Amino acid sequence: MNARLLAGAIALGSIALSTPVLADDPNDPSMRTKQARERDAAIIRQLNLEQLRYVQKRDARQAKGWQATRDYPNQLAEHEKRMAAWRHAVRMCESGHYEYCAR
């Protein structure tokens, strides 16, 4: 019972002590001057550009991974052809055709 009361008191206290955020509040006293609004816009622009660079790098990295996935069937087919040629050469070498042994 005491643990529930304590948890409730902590939750209620955290709600009561939290303050609302003044993001995009037209009545925010720190945004009354043109310079403050321009500074805020410049910060937001910089954050957006940084996020754009991050997203472009992430997308390029993912595109490379997807390209490898798309190329896999062709690479597998090439590998299987090389393995078939190698197995053929081994069989020929073992059957006495020694010109296949030097591969």
Protein backbone atom coordinates (compact mmCIF):
# COMPACT_ATOMS: atom_id res chain seq x y z
CA MET A 1 0.00 0.00 0.00
CA ASN A 2 2.78 2.45 0.91
CA ALA A 3 4.59 1.76 -2.37
CA ARG A 4 1.49 2.67 -4.38
CA LEU A 5 1.00 5.86 -2.40
CA LEU A 6 4.63 6.81 -2.91
CA ALA A 7 4.46 6.09 -6.66
CA GLY A 8 1.26 8.11 -6.95
CA ALA A 9 2.77 11.02 -5.02
CA ILE A 10 5.86 11.00 -7.25
CA ALA A 11 3.73 10.92 -10.42
CA LEU A 12 1.51 13.72 -9.18
CA GLY A 13 4.50 15.78 -8.11
CA SER A 14 6.22 15.39 -11.48
CA ILE A 15 3.06 16.51 -13.27
CA ALA A 16 2.59 19.47 -10.96
CA LEU A 17 6.21 20.60 -11.22
CA SER A 18 6.55 20.27 -15.00
CA THR A 19 6.20 23.49 -16.93
CA PRO A 20 4.70 23.85 -20.39
CA VAL A 21 7.09 24.38 -23.26
CA LEU A 22 6.87 27.74 -25.00
CA ALA A 23 7.71 26.48 -28.49
CA ASP A 24 6.15 28.66 -31.16
CA ASP A 25 4.28 30.67 -28.56
CA PRO A 26 3.50 34.08 -30.08
CA ASN A 27 3.40 35.57 -26.57
CA ASP A 28 6.85 34.27 -25.60
CA PRO A 29 8.67 37.31 -24.18
CA SER A 30 12.05 36.15 -25.50
CA MET A 31 10.76 36.28 -29.11
CA ARG A 32 9.43 39.82 -29.19
CA THR A 33 12.33 41.37 -31.10
CA LYS A 34 13.04 40.86 -34.77
CA GLN A 35 16.63 39.85 -33.98
CA ALA A 36 15.47 37.11 -31.62
CA ARG A 37 13.07 35.72 -34.22
CA GLU A 38 15.77 35.82 -36.91
CA ARG A 39 18.24 34.11 -34.57
CA ASP A 40 15.64 31.44 -33.79
CA ALA A 41 14.92 30.96 -37.51
CA ALA A 42 18.66 30.63 -38.23
CA ILE A 43 19.02 27.98 -35.51
CA ILE A 44 16.04 26.07 -36.88
CA ARG A 45 17.43 26.31 -40.42
CA GLN A 46 20.80 24.96 -39.21
CA LEU A 47 19.11 22.07 -37.39
CA ASN A 48 17.09 21.27 -40.50
CA LEU A 49 20.23 21.27 -42.67
CA GLU A 50 22.04 18.98 -40.23
CA GLN A 51 19.06 16.62 -40.25
CA LEU A 52 18.97 16.70 -44.06
CA ARG A 53 22.67 15.72 -44.22
CA TYR A 54 22.05 12.90 -41.76
CA VAL A 55 19.08 11.60 -43.77
CA GLN A 56 20.99 11.79 -47.06
CA LYS A 57 23.92 9.83 -45.59
CA ARG A 58 21.55 7.28 -44.10
CA ASP A 59 19.68 6.88 -47.38
CA ALA A 60 22.93 6.47 -49.34
CA ARG A 61 24.11 3.82 -46.88
CA GLN A 62 20.80 1.99 -47.12
CA ALA A 63 20.76 2.25 -50.92
CA LYS A 64 24.17 0.58 -51.03
CA GLY A 65 22.83 -2.24 -48.88
CA TRP A 66 19.78 -2.64 -51.07
CA GLN A 67 21.95 -2.68 -54.20
CA ALA A 68 23.99 -5.52 -52.72
CA THR A 69 20.74 -7.37 -52.03
CA ARG A 70 19.57 -6.86 -55.62
CA ASP A 71 22.96 -7.99 -56.99
CA TYR A 72 23.03 -11.15 -54.88
CA PRO A 73 21.14 -13.47 -57.33
CA ASN A 74 23.53 -12.55 -60.17
CA GLN A 75 26.57 -13.00 -57.95
CA LEU A 76 25.25 -16.34 -56.74
CA ALA A 77 24.68 -17.51 -60.34
CA GLU A 78 28.24 -16.48 -61.27
CA HIS A 79 29.63 -18.30 -58.25
CA GLU A 80 27.66 -21.44 -59.13
CA LYS A 81 28.99 -21.34 -62.72
CA ARG A 82 32.57 -21.03 -61.45
CA MET A 83 32.01 -23.87 -58.99
CA ALA A 84 30.53 -26.09 -61.73
CA ALA A 85 33.57 -25.39 -63.95
CA TRP A 86 35.91 -26.15 -61.04
CA ARG A 87 34.08 -29.42 -60.22
CA HIS A 88 34.26 -30.41 -63.87
CA ALA A 89 38.00 -29.70 -63.91
CA VAL A 90 38.47 -31.80 -60.75
CA ARG A 91 36.56 -34.73 -62.28
CA MET A 92 38.54 -34.47 -65.50
CA CYS A 93 41.85 -34.27 -63.60
CA GLU A 94 40.94 -37.29 -61.45
CA SER A 95 39.98 -39.27 -64.56
CA GLY A 96 43.41 -38.79 -66.13
CA HIS A 97 43.04 -35.60 -68.16
CA TYR A 98 46.00 -33.91 -66.49
CA GLU A 99 45.71 -30.70 -68.50
CA TYR A 100 42.77 -29.85 -66.17
CA CYS A 101 44.91 -30.32 -63.05
CA ALA A 102 46.90 -27.11 -63.46
CA ARG A 103 43.86 -24.88 -62.98
